[in-house]
Amino acid sequence: GCEIGWEIKRGRLGRLLKDCTFSGISPAFWARCDAVANRSSFRLYGIP
């Protein structure tokens, strides 16, 4: 679950969303990755 999200329609960010979720089976999920952003978007998060 994520705190925040933005709708993407026709290549543009749209309305603000809350309580977004995503789910799946790990191997199938990772096989569906078709783009990874470059270093300018890298962030480090801490998790408890």
ModelCIF file with pLDDT and N, C-alpha, C, O atoms, coordinates in Angstrom:
data_MODEL
#
_entry.id   MODEL 
#
_entity.id                         1 
_entity.type                       polymer 
_entity.pdbx_number_of_molecules   1 
#
_entity_poly.entity_id                      1 
_entity_poly.type                           'polypeptide(L)' 
_entity_poly.nstd_linkage                   no 
_entity_poly.nstd_monomer                   no 
_entity_poly.pdbx_seq_one_letter_code       GCEIGWEIKRGRLGRLLKDCTFSGISPAFWARCDAVANRSSFRLYGIP 
_entity_poly.pdbx_seq_one_letter_code_can   GCEIGWEIKRGRLGRLLKDCTFSGISPAFWARCDAVANRSSFRLYGIP 
_entity_poly.pdbx_strand_id                 A 
#
loop_
_entity_poly_seq.entity_id 
_entity_poly_seq.num 
_entity_poly_seq.mon_id 
_entity_poly_seq.hetero 
1 1  GLY n 
1 2  CYS n 
1 3  GLU n 
1 4  ILE n 
1 5  GLY n 
1 6  TRP n 
1 7  GLU n 
1 8  ILE n 
1 9  LYS n 
1 10 ARG n 
1 11 GLY n 
1 12 ARG n 
1 13 LEU n 
1 14 GLY n 
1 15 ARG n 
1 16 LEU n 
1 17 LEU n 
1 18 LYS n 
1 19 ASP n 
1 20 CYS n 
1 21 THR n 
1 22 PHE n 
1 23 SER n 
1 24 GLY n 
1 25 ILE n 
1 26 SER n 
1 27 PRO n 
1 28 ALA n 
1 29 PHE n 
1 30 TRP n 
1 31 ALA n 
1 32 ARG n 
1 33 CYS n 
1 34 ASP n 
1 35 ALA n 
1 36 VAL n 
1 37 ALA n 
1 38 ASN n 
1 39 ARG n 
1 40 SER n 
1 41 SER n 
1 42 PHE n 
1 43 ARG n 
1 44 LEU n 
1 45 TYR n 
1 46 GLY n 
1 47 ILE n 
1 48 PRO n 
#
_struct_asym.id          A 
_struct_asym.entity_id   1 
#
loop_
_ma_qa_metric.id 
_ma_qa_metric.mode 
_ma_qa_metric.name 
_ma_qa_metric.software_group_id 
_ma_qa_metric.type 
1 global pLDDT . pLDDT 
2 local  pLDDT . pLDDT 
#
_ma_qa_metric_global.metric_id      1 
_ma_qa_metric_global.metric_value   92.08 
_ma_qa_metric_global.model_id       1 
_ma_qa_metric_global.ordinal_id     1 
#
loop_
_ma_qa_metric_local.label_asym_id 
_ma_qa_metric_local.label_comp_id 
_ma_qa_metric_local.label_seq_id 
_ma_qa_metric_local.metric_id 
_ma_qa_metric_local.metric_value 
_ma_qa_metric_local.model_id 
_ma_qa_metric_local.ordinal_id 
A GLY 1  2 93.00 1 1  
A CYS 2  2 92.00 1 2  
A GLU 3  2 91.00 1 3  
A ILE 4  2 93.00 1 4  
A GLY 5  2 95.00 1 5  
A TRP 6  2 97.00 1 6  
A GLU 7  2 97.00 1 7  
A ILE 8  2 97.00 1 8  
A LYS 9  2 97.00 1 9  
A ARG 10 2 98.00 1 10 
A GLY 11 2 97.00 1 11 
A ARG 12 2 98.00 1 12 
A LEU 13 2 97.00 1 13 
A GLY 14 2 96.00 1 14 
A ARG 15 2 95.00 1 15 
A LEU 16 2 96.00 1 16 
A LEU 17 2 95.00 1 17 
A LYS 18 2 92.00 1 18 
A ASP 19 2 91.00 1 19 
A CYS 20 2 94.00 1 20 
A THR 21 2 95.00 1 21 
A PHE 22 2 95.00 1 22 
A SER 23 2 95.00 1 23 
A GLY 24 2 95.00 1 24 
A ILE 25 2 95.00 1 25 
A SER 26 2 90.00 1 26 
A PRO 27 2 89.00 1 27 
A ALA 28 2 93.00 1 28 
A PHE 29 2 93.00 1 29 
A TRP 30 2 90.00 1 30 
A ALA 31 2 91.00 1 31 
A ARG 32 2 93.00 1 32 
A CYS 33 2 93.00 1 33 
A ASP 34 2 93.00 1 34 
A ALA 35 2 95.00 1 35 
A VAL 36 2 94.00 1 36 
A ALA 37 2 96.00 1 37 
A ASN 38 2 96.00 1 38 
A ARG 39 2 95.00 1 39 
A SER 40 2 95.00 1 40 
A SER 41 2 94.00 1 41 
A PHE 42 2 92.00 1 42 
A ARG 43 2 89.00 1 43 
A LEU 44 2 85.00 1 44 
A TYR 45 2 78.00 1 45 
A GLY 46 2 73.00 1 46 
A ILE 47 2 70.00 1 47 
A PRO 48 2 67.00 1 48 
#
loop_
_atom_site.group_PDB 
_atom_site.id 
_atom_site.type_symbol 
_atom_site.label_atom_id 
_atom_site.label_alt_id 
_atom_site.label_comp_id 
_atom_site.label_asym_id 
_atom_site.label_entity_id 
_atom_site.label_seq_id 
_atom_site.pdbx_PDB_ins_code 
_atom_site.Cartn_x 
_atom_site.Cartn_y 
_atom_site.Cartn_z 
_atom_site.occupancy 
_atom_site.B_iso_or_equiv 
_atom_site.pdbx_formal_charge 
_atom_site.auth_seq_id 
_atom_site.auth_comp_id 
_atom_site.auth_asym_id 
_atom_site.auth_atom_id 
_atom_site.pdbx_PDB_model_num 
ATOM 1   N N  . GLY A 1 1  ? 0.834  -1.193  0.000   1.00 93.00 ? 1  GLY A N  1 
ATOM 2   C CA . GLY A 1 1  ? 0.000  0.000   0.000   1.00 93.00 ? 1  GLY A CA 1 
ATOM 3   C C  . GLY A 1 1  ? 0.867  1.240   0.000   1.00 93.00 ? 1  GLY A C  1 
ATOM 4   O O  . GLY A 1 1  ? 1.905  1.277   0.660   1.00 93.00 ? 1  GLY A O  1 
ATOM 5   N N  . CYS A 1 2  ? 0.450  2.249   -0.731  1.00 92.00 ? 2  CYS A N  1 
ATOM 6   C CA . CYS A 1 2  ? 1.190  3.514   -0.817  1.00 92.00 ? 2  CYS A CA 1 
ATOM 7   C C  . CYS A 1 2  ? 0.304  4.651   -0.339  1.00 92.00 ? 2  CYS A C  1 
ATOM 8   O O  . CYS A 1 2  ? -0.917 4.607   -0.486  1.00 92.00 ? 2  CYS A O  1 
ATOM 9   N N  . GLU A 1 3  ? 0.923  5.658   0.228   1.00 91.00 ? 3  GLU A N  1 
ATOM 10  C CA . GLU A 1 3  ? 0.168  6.793   0.752   1.00 91.00 ? 3  GLU A CA 1 
ATOM 11  C C  . GLU A 1 3  ? -0.440 7.653   -0.340  1.00 91.00 ? 3  GLU A C  1 
ATOM 12  O O  . GLU A 1 3  ? -1.533 8.193   -0.172  1.00 91.00 ? 3  GLU A O  1 
ATOM 13  N N  . ILE A 1 4  ? 0.259  7.784   -1.452  1.00 93.00 ? 4  ILE A N  1 
ATOM 14  C CA . ILE A 1 4  ? -0.155 8.750   -2.458  1.00 93.00 ? 4  ILE A CA 1 
ATOM 15  C C  . ILE A 1 4  ? 0.112  8.220   -3.865  1.00 93.00 ? 4  ILE A C  1 
ATOM 16  O O  . ILE A 1 4  ? 1.000  7.394   -4.076  1.00 93.00 ? 4  ILE A O  1 
ATOM 17  N N  . GLY A 1 5  ? -0.656 8.703   -4.799  1.00 95.00 ? 5  GLY A N  1 
ATOM 18  C CA . GLY A 1 5  ? -0.459 8.339   -6.191  1.00 95.00 ? 5  GLY A CA 1 
ATOM 19  C C  . GLY A 1 5  ? -1.029 9.415   -7.097  1.00 95.00 ? 5  GLY A C  1 
ATOM 20  O O  . GLY A 1 5  ? -1.770 10.295  -6.658  1.00 95.00 ? 5  GLY A O  1 
ATOM 21  N N  . TRP A 1 6  ? -0.676 9.328   -8.347  1.00 97.00 ? 6  TRP A N  1 
ATOM 22  C CA . TRP A 1 6  ? -1.207 10.241  -9.347  1.00 97.00 ? 6  TRP A CA 1 
ATOM 23  C C  . TRP A 1 6  ? -1.656 9.421   -10.537 1.00 97.00 ? 6  TRP A C  1 
ATOM 24  O O  . TRP A 1 6  ? -0.920 8.557   -11.015 1.00 97.00 ? 6  TRP A O  1 
ATOM 25  N N  . GLU A 1 7  ? -2.824 9.678   -11.002 1.00 97.00 ? 7  GLU A N  1 
ATOM 26  C CA . GLU A 1 7  ? -3.342 9.027   -12.196 1.00 97.00 ? 7  GLU A CA 1 
ATOM 27  C C  . GLU A 1 7  ? -2.508 9.479   -13.392 1.00 97.00 ? 7  GLU A C  1 
ATOM 28  O O  . GLU A 1 7  ? -2.140 10.649  -13.488 1.00 97.00 ? 7  GLU A O  1 
ATOM 29  N N  . ILE A 1 8  ? -2.212 8.554   -14.299 1.00 97.00 ? 8  ILE A N  1 
ATOM 30  C CA . ILE A 1 8  ? -1.557 8.897   -15.561 1.00 97.00 ? 8  ILE A CA 1 
ATOM 31  C C  . ILE A 1 8  ? -2.550 8.581   -16.676 1.00 97.00 ? 8  ILE A C  1 
ATOM 32  O O  . ILE A 1 8  ? -3.011 7.446   -16.792 1.00 97.00 ? 8  ILE A O  1 
ATOM 33  N N  . LYS A 1 9  ? -2.871 9.551   -17.472 1.00 97.00 ? 9  LYS A N  1 
ATOM 34  C CA . LYS A 1 9  ? -3.766 9.386   -18.626 1.00 97.00 ? 9  LYS A CA 1 
ATOM 35  C C  . LYS A 1 9  ? -3.108 10.030  -19.841 1.00 97.00 ? 9  LYS A C  1 
ATOM 36  O O  . LYS A 1 9  ? -2.722 11.198  -19.799 1.00 97.00 ? 9  LYS A O  1 
ATOM 37  N N  . ARG A 1 10 ? -2.982 9.273   -20.915 1.00 98.00 ? 10 ARG A N  1 
ATOM 38  C CA . ARG A 1 10 ? -2.417 9.752   -22.167 1.00 98.00 ? 10 ARG A CA 1 
ATOM 39  C C  . ARG A 1 10 ? -1.081 10.496  -21.961 1.00 98.00 ? 10 ARG A C  1 
ATOM 40  O O  . ARG A 1 10 ? -0.844 11.548  -22.554 1.00 98.00 ? 10 ARG A O  1 
ATOM 41  N N  . GLY A 1 11 ? -0.222 9.924   -21.110 1.00 97.00 ? 11 GLY A N  1 
ATOM 42  C CA . GLY A 1 11 ? 1.112  10.461  -20.923 1.00 97.00 ? 11 GLY A CA 1 
ATOM 43  C C  . GLY A 1 11 ? 1.230  11.671  -20.025 1.00 97.00 ? 11 GLY A C  1 
ATOM 44  O O  . GLY A 1 11 ? 2.266  12.336  -20.012 1.00 97.00 ? 11 GLY A O  1 
ATOM 45  N N  . ARG A 1 12 ? 0.165  11.972  -19.260 1.00 98.00 ? 12 ARG A N  1 
ATOM 46  C CA . ARG A 1 12 ? 0.208  13.137  -18.373 1.00 98.00 ? 12 ARG A CA 1 
ATOM 47  C C  . ARG A 1 12 ? -0.260 12.764  -16.980 1.00 98.00 ? 12 ARG A C  1 
ATOM 48  O O  . ARG A 1 12 ? -1.165 11.947  -16.810 1.00 98.00 ? 12 ARG A O  1 
ATOM 49  N N  . LEU A 1 13 ? 0.379  13.382  -15.972 1.00 97.00 ? 13 LEU A N  1 
ATOM 50  C CA . LEU A 1 13 ? -0.072 13.187  -14.594 1.00 97.00 ? 13 LEU A CA 1 
ATOM 51  C C  . LEU A 1 13 ? -1.408 13.878  -14.428 1.00 97.00 ? 13 LEU A C  1 
ATOM 52  O O  . LEU A 1 13 ? -1.605 15.000  -14.894 1.00 97.00 ? 13 LEU A O  1 
ATOM 53  N N  . GLY A 1 14 ? -2.331 13.191  -13.754 1.00 96.00 ? 14 GLY A N  1 
ATOM 54  C CA . GLY A 1 14 ? -3.659 13.737  -13.531 1.00 96.00 ? 14 GLY A CA 1 
ATOM 55  C C  . GLY A 1 14 ? -3.981 13.878  -12.065 1.00 96.00 ? 14 GLY A C  1 
ATOM 56  O O  . GLY A 1 14 ? -3.170 14.364  -11.277 1.00 96.00 ? 14 GLY A O  1 
ATOM 57  N N  . ARG A 1 15 ? -5.174 13.449  -11.710 1.00 95.00 ? 15 ARG A N  1 
ATOM 58  C CA . ARG A 1 15 ? -5.675 13.683  -10.358 1.00 95.00 ? 15 ARG A CA 1 
ATOM 59  C C  . ARG A 1 15 ? -4.865 12.948  -9.294  1.00 95.00 ? 15 ARG A C  1 
ATOM 60  O O  . ARG A 1 15 ? -4.283 11.893  -9.547  1.00 95.00 ? 15 ARG A O  1 
ATOM 61  N N  . LEU A 1 16 ? -4.845 13.525  -8.113  1.00 96.00 ? 16 LEU A N  1 
ATOM 62  C CA . LEU A 1 16 ? -4.175 12.980  -6.947  1.00 96.00 ? 16 LEU A CA 1 
ATOM 63  C C  . LEU A 1 16 ? -5.011 11.836  -6.389  1.00 96.00 ? 16 LEU A C  1 
ATOM 64  O O  . LEU A 1 16 ? -6.235 11.944  -6.313  1.00 96.00 ? 16 LEU A O  1 
ATOM 65  N N  . LEU A 1 17 ? -4.360 10.737  -5.996  1.00 95.00 ? 17 LEU A N  1 
ATOM 66  C CA . LEU A 1 17 ? -5.032 9.556   -5.456  1.00 95.00 ? 17 LEU A CA 1 
ATOM 67  C C  . LEU A 1 17 ? -4.465 9.254   -4.079  1.00 95.00 ? 17 LEU A C  1 
ATOM 68  O O  . LEU A 1 17 ? -3.321 9.605   -3.790  1.00 95.00 ? 17 LEU A O  1 
ATOM 69  N N  . LYS A 1 18 ? -5.256 8.605   -3.220  1.00 92.00 ? 18 LYS A N  1 
ATOM 70  C CA . LYS A 1 18 ? -4.729 8.209   -1.911  1.00 92.00 ? 18 LYS A CA 1 
ATOM 71  C C  . LYS A 1 18 ? -4.971 6.724   -1.692  1.00 92.00 ? 18 LYS A C  1 
ATOM 72  O O  . LYS A 1 18 ? -5.831 6.116   -2.330  1.00 92.00 ? 18 LYS A O  1 
ATOM 73  N N  . ASP A 1 19 ? -4.196 6.155   -0.779  1.00 91.00 ? 19 ASP A N  1 
ATOM 74  C CA . ASP A 1 19 ? -4.317 4.744   -0.403  1.00 91.00 ? 19 ASP A CA 1 
ATOM 75  C C  . ASP A 1 19 ? -4.250 3.812   -1.611  1.00 91.00 ? 19 ASP A C  1 
ATOM 76  O O  . ASP A 1 19 ? -5.085 2.918   -1.752  1.00 91.00 ? 19 ASP A O  1 
ATOM 77  N N  . CYS A 1 20 ? -3.282 4.011   -2.463  1.00 94.00 ? 20 CYS A N  1 
ATOM 78  C CA . CYS A 1 20 ? -3.097 3.160   -3.639  1.00 94.00 ? 20 CYS A CA 1 
ATOM 79  C C  . CYS A 1 20 ? -2.469 1.828   -3.211  1.00 94.00 ? 20 CYS A C  1 
ATOM 80  O O  . CYS A 1 20 ? -1.673 1.788   -2.273  1.00 94.00 ? 20 CYS A O  1 
ATOM 81  N N  . THR A 1 21 ? -2.824 0.755   -3.891  1.00 95.00 ? 21 THR A N  1 
ATOM 82  C CA . THR A 1 21 ? -2.236 -0.554  -3.615  1.00 95.00 ? 21 THR A CA 1 
ATOM 83  C C  . THR A 1 21 ? -1.836 -1.225  -4.916  1.00 95.00 ? 21 THR A C  1 
ATOM 84  O O  . THR A 1 21 ? -2.378 -0.931  -5.981  1.00 95.00 ? 21 THR A O  1 
ATOM 85  N N  . PHE A 1 22 ? -0.870 -2.137  -4.806  1.00 95.00 ? 22 PHE A N  1 
ATOM 86  C CA . PHE A 1 22 ? -0.548 -3.023  -5.921  1.00 95.00 ? 22 PHE A CA 1 
ATOM 87  C C  . PHE A 1 22 ? -0.210 -4.378  -5.345  1.00 95.00 ? 22 PHE A C  1 
ATOM 88  O O  . PHE A 1 22 ? 0.316  -4.479  -4.236  1.00 95.00 ? 22 PHE A O  1 
ATOM 89  N N  . SER A 1 23 ? -0.515 -5.431  -6.107  1.00 95.00 ? 23 SER A N  1 
ATOM 90  C CA . SER A 1 23 ? -0.306 -6.790  -5.609  1.00 95.00 ? 23 SER A CA 1 
ATOM 91  C C  . SER A 1 23 ? 0.039  -7.709  -6.762  1.00 95.00 ? 23 SER A C  1 
ATOM 92  O O  . SER A 1 23 ? -0.153 -7.375  -7.931  1.00 95.00 ? 23 SER A O  1 
ATOM 93  N N  . GLY A 1 24 ? 0.555  -8.881  -6.402  1.00 95.00 ? 24 GLY A N  1 
ATOM 94  C CA . GLY A 1 24 ? 0.887  -9.846  -7.436  1.00 95.00 ? 24 GLY A CA 1 
ATOM 95  C C  . GLY A 1 24 ? 1.670  -11.019 -6.908  1.00 95.00 ? 24 GLY A C  1 
ATOM 96  O O  . GLY A 1 24 ? 1.807  -11.216 -5.700  1.00 95.00 ? 24 GLY A O  1 
ATOM 97  N N  . ILE A 1 25 ? 2.179  -11.791 -7.841  1.00 95.00 ? 25 ILE A N  1 
ATOM 98  C CA . ILE A 1 25 ? 3.065  -12.924 -7.584  1.00 95.00 ? 25 ILE A CA 1 
ATOM 99  C C  . ILE A 1 25 ? 4.449  -12.467 -8.049  1.00 95.00 ? 25 ILE A C  1 
ATOM 100 O O  . ILE A 1 25 ? 4.605  -12.049 -9.197  1.00 95.00 ? 25 ILE A O  1 
ATOM 101 N N  . SER A 1 26 ? 5.439  -12.540 -7.185  1.00 90.00 ? 26 SER A N  1 
ATOM 102 C CA . SER A 1 26 ? 6.737  -11.912 -7.438  1.00 90.00 ? 26 SER A CA 1 
ATOM 103 C C  . SER A 1 26 ? 7.345  -12.172 -8.809  1.00 90.00 ? 26 SER A C  1 
ATOM 104 O O  . SER A 1 26 ? 7.646  -11.202 -9.505  1.00 90.00 ? 26 SER A O  1 
ATOM 105 N N  . PRO A 1 27 ? 7.549  -13.428 -9.252  1.00 89.00 ? 27 PRO A N  1 
ATOM 106 C CA . PRO A 1 27 ? 8.194  -13.616 -10.563 1.00 89.00 ? 27 PRO A CA 1 
ATOM 107 C C  . PRO A 1 27 ? 7.392  -12.988 -11.715 1.00 89.00 ? 27 PRO A C  1 
ATOM 108 O O  . PRO A 1 27 ? 7.975  -12.385 -12.616 1.00 89.00 ? 27 PRO A O  1 
ATOM 109 N N  . ALA A 1 28 ? 6.074  -13.126 -11.686 1.00 93.00 ? 28 ALA A N  1 
ATOM 110 C CA . ALA A 1 28 ? 5.244  -12.533 -12.746 1.00 93.00 ? 28 ALA A CA 1 
ATOM 111 C C  . ALA A 1 28 ? 5.298  -11.009 -12.682 1.00 93.00 ? 28 ALA A C  1 
ATOM 112 O O  . ALA A 1 28 ? 5.353  -10.346 -13.718 1.00 93.00 ? 28 ALA A O  1 
ATOM 113 N N  . PHE A 1 29 ? 5.282  -10.452 -11.472 1.00 93.00 ? 29 PHE A N  1 
ATOM 114 C CA . PHE A 1 29 ? 5.354  -9.000  -11.303 1.00 93.00 ? 29 PHE A CA 1 
ATOM 115 C C  . PHE A 1 29 ? 6.646  -8.459  -11.908 1.00 93.00 ? 29 PHE A C  1 
ATOM 116 O O  . PHE A 1 29 ? 6.605  -7.543  -12.729 1.00 93.00 ? 29 PHE A O  1 
ATOM 117 N N  . TRP A 1 30 ? 7.786  -9.012  -11.515 1.00 90.00 ? 30 TRP A N  1 
ATOM 118 C CA . TRP A 1 30 ? 9.065  -8.500  -12.006 1.00 90.00 ? 30 TRP A CA 1 
ATOM 119 C C  . TRP A 1 30 ? 9.219  -8.717  -13.506 1.00 90.00 ? 30 TRP A C  1 
ATOM 120 O O  . TRP A 1 30 ? 9.885  -7.926  -14.175 1.00 90.00 ? 30 TRP A O  1 
ATOM 121 N N  . ALA A 1 31 ? 8.623  -9.765  -14.042 1.00 91.00 ? 31 ALA A N  1 
ATOM 122 C CA . ALA A 1 31 ? 8.685  -9.999  -15.491 1.00 91.00 ? 31 ALA A CA 1 
ATOM 123 C C  . ALA A 1 31 ? 7.924  -8.922  -16.259 1.00 91.00 ? 31 ALA A C  1 
ATOM 124 O O  . ALA A 1 31 ? 8.158  -8.742  -17.454 1.00 91.00 ? 31 ALA A O  1 
ATOM 125 N N  . ARG A 1 32 ? 7.029  -8.211  -15.604 1.00 93.00 ? 32 ARG A N  1 
ATOM 126 C CA . ARG A 1 32 ? 6.230  -7.172  -16.255 1.00 93.00 ? 32 ARG A CA 1 
ATOM 127 C C  . ARG A 1 32 ? 6.879  -5.785  -16.194 1.00 93.00 ? 32 ARG A C  1 
ATOM 128 O O  . ARG A 1 32 ? 6.283  -4.803  -16.638 1.00 93.00 ? 32 ARG A O  1 
ATOM 129 N N  . CYS A 1 33 ? 8.076  -5.701  -15.654 1.00 93.00 ? 33 CYS A N  1 
ATOM 130 C CA . CYS A 1 33 ? 8.789  -4.420  -15.587 1.00 93.00 ? 33 CYS A CA 1 
ATOM 131 C C  . CYS A 1 33 ? 9.350  -4.109  -16.980 1.00 93.00 ? 33 CYS A C  1 
ATOM 132 O O  . CYS A 1 33 ? 10.115 -4.895  -17.540 1.00 93.00 ? 33 CYS A O  1 
ATOM 133 N N  . ASP A 1 34 ? 8.959  -2.956  -17.528 1.00 93.00 ? 34 ASP A N  1 
ATOM 134 C CA . ASP A 1 34 ? 9.449  -2.606  -18.861 1.00 93.00 ? 34 ASP A CA 1 
ATOM 135 C C  . ASP A 1 34 ? 10.197 -1.276  -18.912 1.00 93.00 ? 34 ASP A C  1 
ATOM 136 O O  . ASP A 1 34 ? 10.636 -0.865  -19.986 1.00 93.00 ? 34 ASP A O  1 
ATOM 137 N N  . ALA A 1 35 ? 10.352 -0.592  -17.772 1.00 95.00 ? 35 ALA A N  1 
ATOM 138 C CA . ALA A 1 35 ? 11.130 0.650   -17.741 1.00 95.00 ? 35 ALA A CA 1 
ATOM 139 C C  . ALA A 1 35 ? 11.579 0.925   -16.308 1.00 95.00 ? 35 ALA A C  1 
ATOM 140 O O  . ALA A 1 35 ? 10.826 0.706   -15.359 1.00 95.00 ? 35 ALA A O  1 
ATOM 141 N N  . VAL A 1 36 ? 12.796 1.401   -16.165 1.00 94.00 ? 36 VAL A N  1 
ATOM 142 C CA . VAL A 1 36 ? 13.352 1.781   -14.859 1.00 94.00 ? 36 VAL A CA 1 
ATOM 143 C C  . VAL A 1 36 ? 13.974 3.173   -15.020 1.00 94.00 ? 36 VAL A C  1 
ATOM 144 O O  . VAL A 1 36 ? 14.783 3.407   -15.917 1.00 94.00 ? 36 VAL A O  1 
ATOM 145 N N  . ALA A 1 37 ? 13.581 4.077   -14.139 1.00 96.00 ? 37 ALA A N  1 
ATOM 146 C CA . ALA A 1 37 ? 14.054 5.464   -14.237 1.00 96.00 ? 37 ALA A CA 1 
ATOM 147 C C  . ALA A 1 37 ? 15.549 5.578   -13.972 1.00 96.00 ? 37 ALA A C  1 
ATOM 148 O O  . ALA A 1 37 ? 16.164 4.690   -13.382 1.00 96.00 ? 37 ALA A O  1 
ATOM 149 N N  . ASN A 1 38 ? 16.115 6.688   -14.419 1.00 96.00 ? 38 ASN A N  1 
ATOM 150 C CA . ASN A 1 38 ? 17.555 6.907   -14.282 1.00 96.00 ? 38 ASN A CA 1 
ATOM 151 C C  . ASN A 1 38 ? 17.938 7.459   -12.905 1.00 96.00 ? 38 ASN A C  1 
ATOM 152 O O  . ASN A 1 38 ? 17.082 7.678   -12.048 1.00 96.00 ? 38 ASN A O  1 
ATOM 153 N N  . ARG A 1 39 ? 19.226 7.677   -12.717 1.00 95.00 ? 39 ARG A N  1 
ATOM 154 C CA . ARG A 1 39 ? 19.782 8.055   -11.421 1.00 95.00 ? 39 ARG A CA 1 
ATOM 155 C C  . ARG A 1 39 ? 19.192 9.346   -10.854 1.00 95.00 ? 39 ARG A C  1 
ATOM 156 O O  . ARG A 1 39 ? 19.172 9.516   -9.635  1.00 95.00 ? 39 ARG A O  1 
ATOM 157 N N  . SER A 1 40 ? 18.721 10.243  -11.685 1.00 95.00 ? 40 SER A N  1 
ATOM 158 C CA . SER A 1 40 ? 18.197 11.511  -11.178 1.00 95.00 ? 40 SER A CA 1 
ATOM 159 C C  . SER A 1 40 ? 16.952 11.320  -10.313 1.00 95.00 ? 40 SER A C  1 
ATOM 160 O O  . SER A 1 40 ? 16.583 12.220  -9.558  1.00 95.00 ? 40 SER A O  1 
ATOM 161 N N  . SER A 1 41 ? 16.303 10.161  -10.413 1.00 94.00 ? 41 SER A N  1 
ATOM 162 C CA . SER A 1 41 ? 15.098 9.880   -9.616  1.00 94.00 ? 41 SER A CA 1 
ATOM 163 C C  . SER A 1 41 ? 15.356 8.967   -8.426  1.00 94.00 ? 41 SER A C  1 
ATOM 164 O O  . SER A 1 41 ? 14.416 8.612   -7.714  1.00 94.00 ? 41 SER A O  1 
ATOM 165 N N  . PHE A 1 42 ? 16.618 8.574   -8.190  1.00 92.00 ? 42 PHE A N  1 
ATOM 166 C CA . PHE A 1 42 ? 16.943 7.637   -7.109  1.00 92.00 ? 42 PHE A CA 1 
ATOM 167 C C  . PHE A 1 42 ? 16.689 8.278   -5.746  1.00 92.00 ? 42 PHE A C  1 
ATOM 168 O O  . PHE A 1 42 ? 17.062 9.426   -5.506  1.00 92.00 ? 42 PHE A O  1 
ATOM 169 N N  . ARG A 1 43 ? 16.038 7.501   -4.841  1.00 89.00 ? 43 ARG A N  1 
ATOM 170 C CA . ARG A 1 43 ? 15.809 7.934   -3.457  1.00 89.00 ? 43 ARG A CA 1 
ATOM 171 C C  . ARG A 1 43 ? 16.001 6.741   -2.528  1.00 89.00 ? 43 ARG A C  1 
ATOM 172 O O  . ARG A 1 43 ? 15.755 5.596   -2.907  1.00 89.00 ? 43 ARG A O  1 
ATOM 173 N N  . LEU A 1 44 ? 16.441 7.027   -1.315  1.00 85.00 ? 44 LEU A N  1 
ATOM 174 C CA . LEU A 1 44 ? 16.618 5.988   -0.305  1.00 85.00 ? 44 LEU A CA 1 
ATOM 175 C C  . LEU A 1 44 ? 15.557 6.181   0.769   1.00 85.00 ? 44 LEU A C  1 
ATOM 176 O O  . LEU A 1 44 ? 15.417 7.273   1.322   1.00 85.00 ? 44 LEU A O  1 
ATOM 177 N N  . TYR A 1 45 ? 14.808 5.120   1.065   1.00 78.00 ? 45 TYR A N  1 
ATOM 178 C CA . TYR A 1 45 ? 13.755 5.154   2.082   1.00 78.00 ? 45 TYR A CA 1 
ATOM 179 C C  . TYR A 1 45 ? 14.138 4.243   3.233   1.00 78.00 ? 45 TYR A C  1 
ATOM 180 O O  . TYR A 1 45 ? 14.771 3.209   3.019   1.00 78.00 ? 45 TYR A O  1 
ATOM 181 N N  . GLY A 1 46 ? 13.763 4.614   4.453   1.00 73.00 ? 46 GLY A N  1 
ATOM 182 C CA . GLY A 1 46 ? 13.924 3.750   5.610   1.00 73.00 ? 46 GLY A CA 1 
ATOM 183 C C  . GLY A 1 46 ? 12.611 3.065   5.927   1.00 73.00 ? 46 GLY A C  1 
ATOM 184 O O  . GLY A 1 46 ? 11.546 3.673   5.816   1.00 73.00 ? 46 GLY A O  1 
ATOM 185 N N  . ILE A 1 47 ? 12.681 1.810   6.317   1.00 70.00 ? 47 ILE A N  1 
ATOM 186 C CA . ILE A 1 47 ? 11.498 1.030   6.667   1.00 70.00 ? 47 ILE A CA 1 
ATOM 187 C C  . ILE A 1 47 ? 11.747 0.418   8.045   1.00 70.00 ? 47 ILE A C  1 
ATOM 188 O O  . ILE A 1 47 ? 12.842 -0.085  8.298   1.00 70.00 ? 47 ILE A O  1 
ATOM 189 N N  . PRO A 1 48 ? 10.750 0.448   8.946   1.00 67.00 ? 48 PRO A N  1 
ATOM 190 C CA . PRO A 1 48 ? 10.974 -0.007  10.325  1.00 67.00 ? 48 PRO A CA 1 
ATOM 191 C C  . PRO A 1 48 ? 11.360 -1.472  10.480  1.00 67.00 ? 48 PRO A C  1 
ATOM 192 O O  . PRO A 1 48 ? 11.567 -1.941  11.599  1.00 67.00 ? 48 PRO A O  1 
#
